[in-house]
Amino acid sequence: MAIDWTTIIVTLIGVITSGGVGSLVALRYAKNKAKTEANSAANQEQAERIDLGDKYVNQMLTMLEKLQKAQDLNSTERKESWDSVDKKMNEIHEDLVGVKDEVSSIVLYLNGGYKKYKDEHPELIRLNLADEIHNE
């Protein structure tokens, strides 16, 4: 059997070409697979960052809601406290007006003896004036 050189050369070229094409296809597949994996890793990292950002925003919103509730509670307590103080001040004012009216009535009733007593003790008038000036 005689081997023809053309057949040998054609066979060698066919084997080399098919192996080269196969290796090119394999390299291209490996390259695409590597890119896909790299993109997948980058996408995974980006997704993790987004999840972390979402968690941060949600926790900040929760914290702000808690602060708002605490502020509302303090505002309500402060208002109730001031209402209580205002009520007490009004009661004291009404009592003071009543005491002034009563003292005025007593002075009018005792006008004769009271005026004479005040005239006899002028130092008491000065003390009362000093007390009034001090209280203002």
Protein backbone atom coordinates (compact mmCIF):
# COMPACT_ATOMS: atom_id res chain seq x y z
CA MET A 1 0.00 0.00 0.00
CA ALA A 2 1.33 3.17 -1.10
CA ILE A 3 0.77 6.22 0.95
CA ASP A 4 0.24 9.30 -0.97
CA TRP A 5 2.01 12.38 0.35
CA THR A 6 -1.00 14.51 -0.50
CA THR A 7 -3.20 12.41 1.70
CA ILE A 8 -0.73 12.65 4.55
CA ILE A 9 -0.39 16.43 4.21
CA VAL A 10 -4.13 16.92 3.90
CA THR A 11 -4.69 14.72 6.93
CA LEU A 12 -2.09 16.62 8.97
CA ILE A 13 -3.55 19.96 7.94
CA GLY A 14 -7.02 18.69 8.80
CA VAL A 15 -5.93 17.48 12.22
CA ILE A 16 -4.03 20.70 12.96
CA THR A 17 -6.88 22.87 11.71
CA SER A 18 -9.58 20.96 13.55
CA GLY A 19 -7.48 20.96 16.72
CA GLY A 20 -6.80 24.67 16.30
CA VAL A 21 -10.46 25.46 15.70
CA GLY A 22 -11.40 23.26 18.62
CA SER A 23 -8.86 24.96 20.84
CA LEU A 24 -10.07 28.40 19.68
CA VAL A 25 -13.63 27.42 20.52
CA ALA A 26 -12.47 26.06 23.87
CA LEU A 27 -10.47 29.25 24.61
CA ARG A 28 -13.37 31.45 23.61
CA TYR A 29 -15.74 29.40 25.80
CA ALA A 30 -13.29 29.59 28.75
CA LYS A 31 -12.91 33.34 28.23
CA ASN A 32 -16.68 33.91 28.13
CA LYS A 33 -17.12 31.68 31.17
CA ALA A 34 -14.46 33.68 33.06
CA LYS A 35 -16.17 36.96 32.11
CA THR A 36 -19.53 35.61 33.18
CA GLU A 37 -18.11 34.47 36.52
CA ALA A 38 -16.37 37.84 37.00
CA ASN A 39 -19.60 39.66 36.19
CA SER A 40 -21.50 37.33 38.47
CA ALA A 41 -19.06 38.03 41.32
CA ALA A 42 -19.29 41.77 40.67
CA ASN A 43 -23.08 41.57 40.54
CA GLN A 44 -23.11 39.55 43.75
CA GLU A 45 -20.91 42.15 45.46
CA GLN A 46 -23.10 44.95 44.16
CA ALA A 47 -26.22 43.12 45.34
CA GLU A 48 -24.65 42.72 48.79
CA ARG A 49 -23.85 46.44 48.88
CA ILE A 50 -27.42 47.28 47.88
CA ASP A 51 -28.75 44.95 50.59
CA LEU A 52 -26.45 46.58 53.13
CA GLY A 53 -27.65 50.01 52.02
CA ASP A 54 -31.27 48.90 52.34
CA LYS A 55 -30.63 47.57 55.84
CA TYR A 56 -28.96 50.86 56.82
CA VAL A 57 -31.85 52.94 55.47
CA ASN A 58 -34.44 50.72 57.18
CA GLN A 59 -32.61 50.89 60.51
CA MET A 60 -32.29 54.68 60.21
CA LEU A 61 -36.03 54.98 59.50
CA THR A 62 -36.80 52.78 62.50
CA MET A 63 -34.54 54.93 64.69
CA LEU A 64 -36.17 58.13 63.42
CA GLU A 65 -39.62 56.72 64.18
CA LYS A 66 -38.50 55.87 67.73
CA LEU A 67 -37.10 59.38 68.19
CA GLN A 68 -40.32 60.91 66.87
CA LYS A 69 -42.40 58.83 69.31
CA ALA A 70 -40.14 59.82 72.21
CA GLN A 71 -40.34 63.49 71.21
CA ASP A 72 -44.14 63.32 70.96
CA LEU A 73 -44.31 61.68 74.39
CA ASN A 74 -42.04 64.34 75.90
CA SER A 75 -44.06 67.09 74.24
CA THR A 76 -47.28 65.70 75.70
CA GLU A 77 -45.75 65.36 79.17
CA ARG A 78 -44.30 68.90 78.97
CA LYS A 79 -47.68 70.32 77.91
CA GLU A 80 -49.43 68.51 80.78
CA SER A 81 -46.81 69.83 83.19
CA TRP A 82 -47.22 73.42 81.99
CA ASP A 83 -51.00 73.07 82.14
CA SER A 84 -50.67 71.95 85.76
CA VAL A 85 -48.39 74.90 86.58
CA ASP A 86 -50.75 77.33 84.84
CA LYS A 87 -53.73 75.93 86.76
CA LYS A 88 -51.88 76.29 90.07
CA MET A 89 -50.84 79.88 89.22
CA ASN A 90 -54.49 80.77 88.48
CA GLU A 91 -55.56 79.27 91.80
CA ILE A 92 -52.89 81.26 93.65
CA HIS A 93 -53.90 84.44 91.82
CA GLU A 94 -57.56 83.92 92.73
CA ASP A 95 -56.59 83.29 96.37
CA LEU A 96 -54.44 86.45 96.42
CA VAL A 97 -57.28 88.55 94.99
CA GLY A 98 -59.55 87.13 97.68
CA VAL A 99 -57.01 87.96 100.42
CA LYS A 100 -56.63 91.53 99.10
CA ASP A 101 -60.41 91.98 99.07
CA GLU A 102 -60.63 90.63 102.61
CA VAL A 103 -57.86 92.93 103.87
CA SER A 104 -59.52 95.90 102.18
CA SER A 105 -62.81 95.01 103.88
CA ILE A 106 -61.04 94.71 107.25
CA VAL A 107 -59.36 98.10 106.77
CA LEU A 108 -62.69 99.73 105.92
CA TYR A 109 -64.33 98.10 108.93
CA LEU A 110 -61.55 99.11 111.33
CA ASN A 111 -60.93 102.47 109.68
CA GLY A 112 -61.11 104.53 112.83
CA GLY A 113 -58.99 102.37 115.13
CA TYR A 114 -56.73 101.07 112.37
CA LYS A 115 -55.91 104.57 111.09
CA LYS A 116 -55.12 105.73 114.63
CA TYR A 117 -52.86 102.67 115.15
CA LYS A 118 -51.01 103.37 111.89
CA ASP A 119 -50.56 107.02 112.86
CA GLU A 120 -49.10 105.97 116.22
CA HIS A 121 -46.66 103.47 114.62
CA PRO A 122 -45.15 105.11 111.51
CA GLU A 123 -42.23 102.65 111.50
CA LEU A 124 -44.66 99.88 110.55
CA ILE A 125 -45.73 101.84 107.50
CA ARG A 126 -42.09 102.17 106.42
CA LEU A 127 -41.59 98.42 106.91
CA ASN A 128 -44.70 97.68 104.86
CA LEU A 129 -43.52 100.01 102.08
CA ALA A 130 -40.09 98.38 102.10
CA ASP A 131 -41.74 94.96 101.90
CA GLU A 132 -43.98 96.13 99.02
CA ILE A 133 -40.99 97.56 97.12
CA HIS A 134 -38.98 94.42 97.79
CA ASN A 135 -41.82 92.18 96.58
CA GLU A 136 -42.29 94.09 93.34
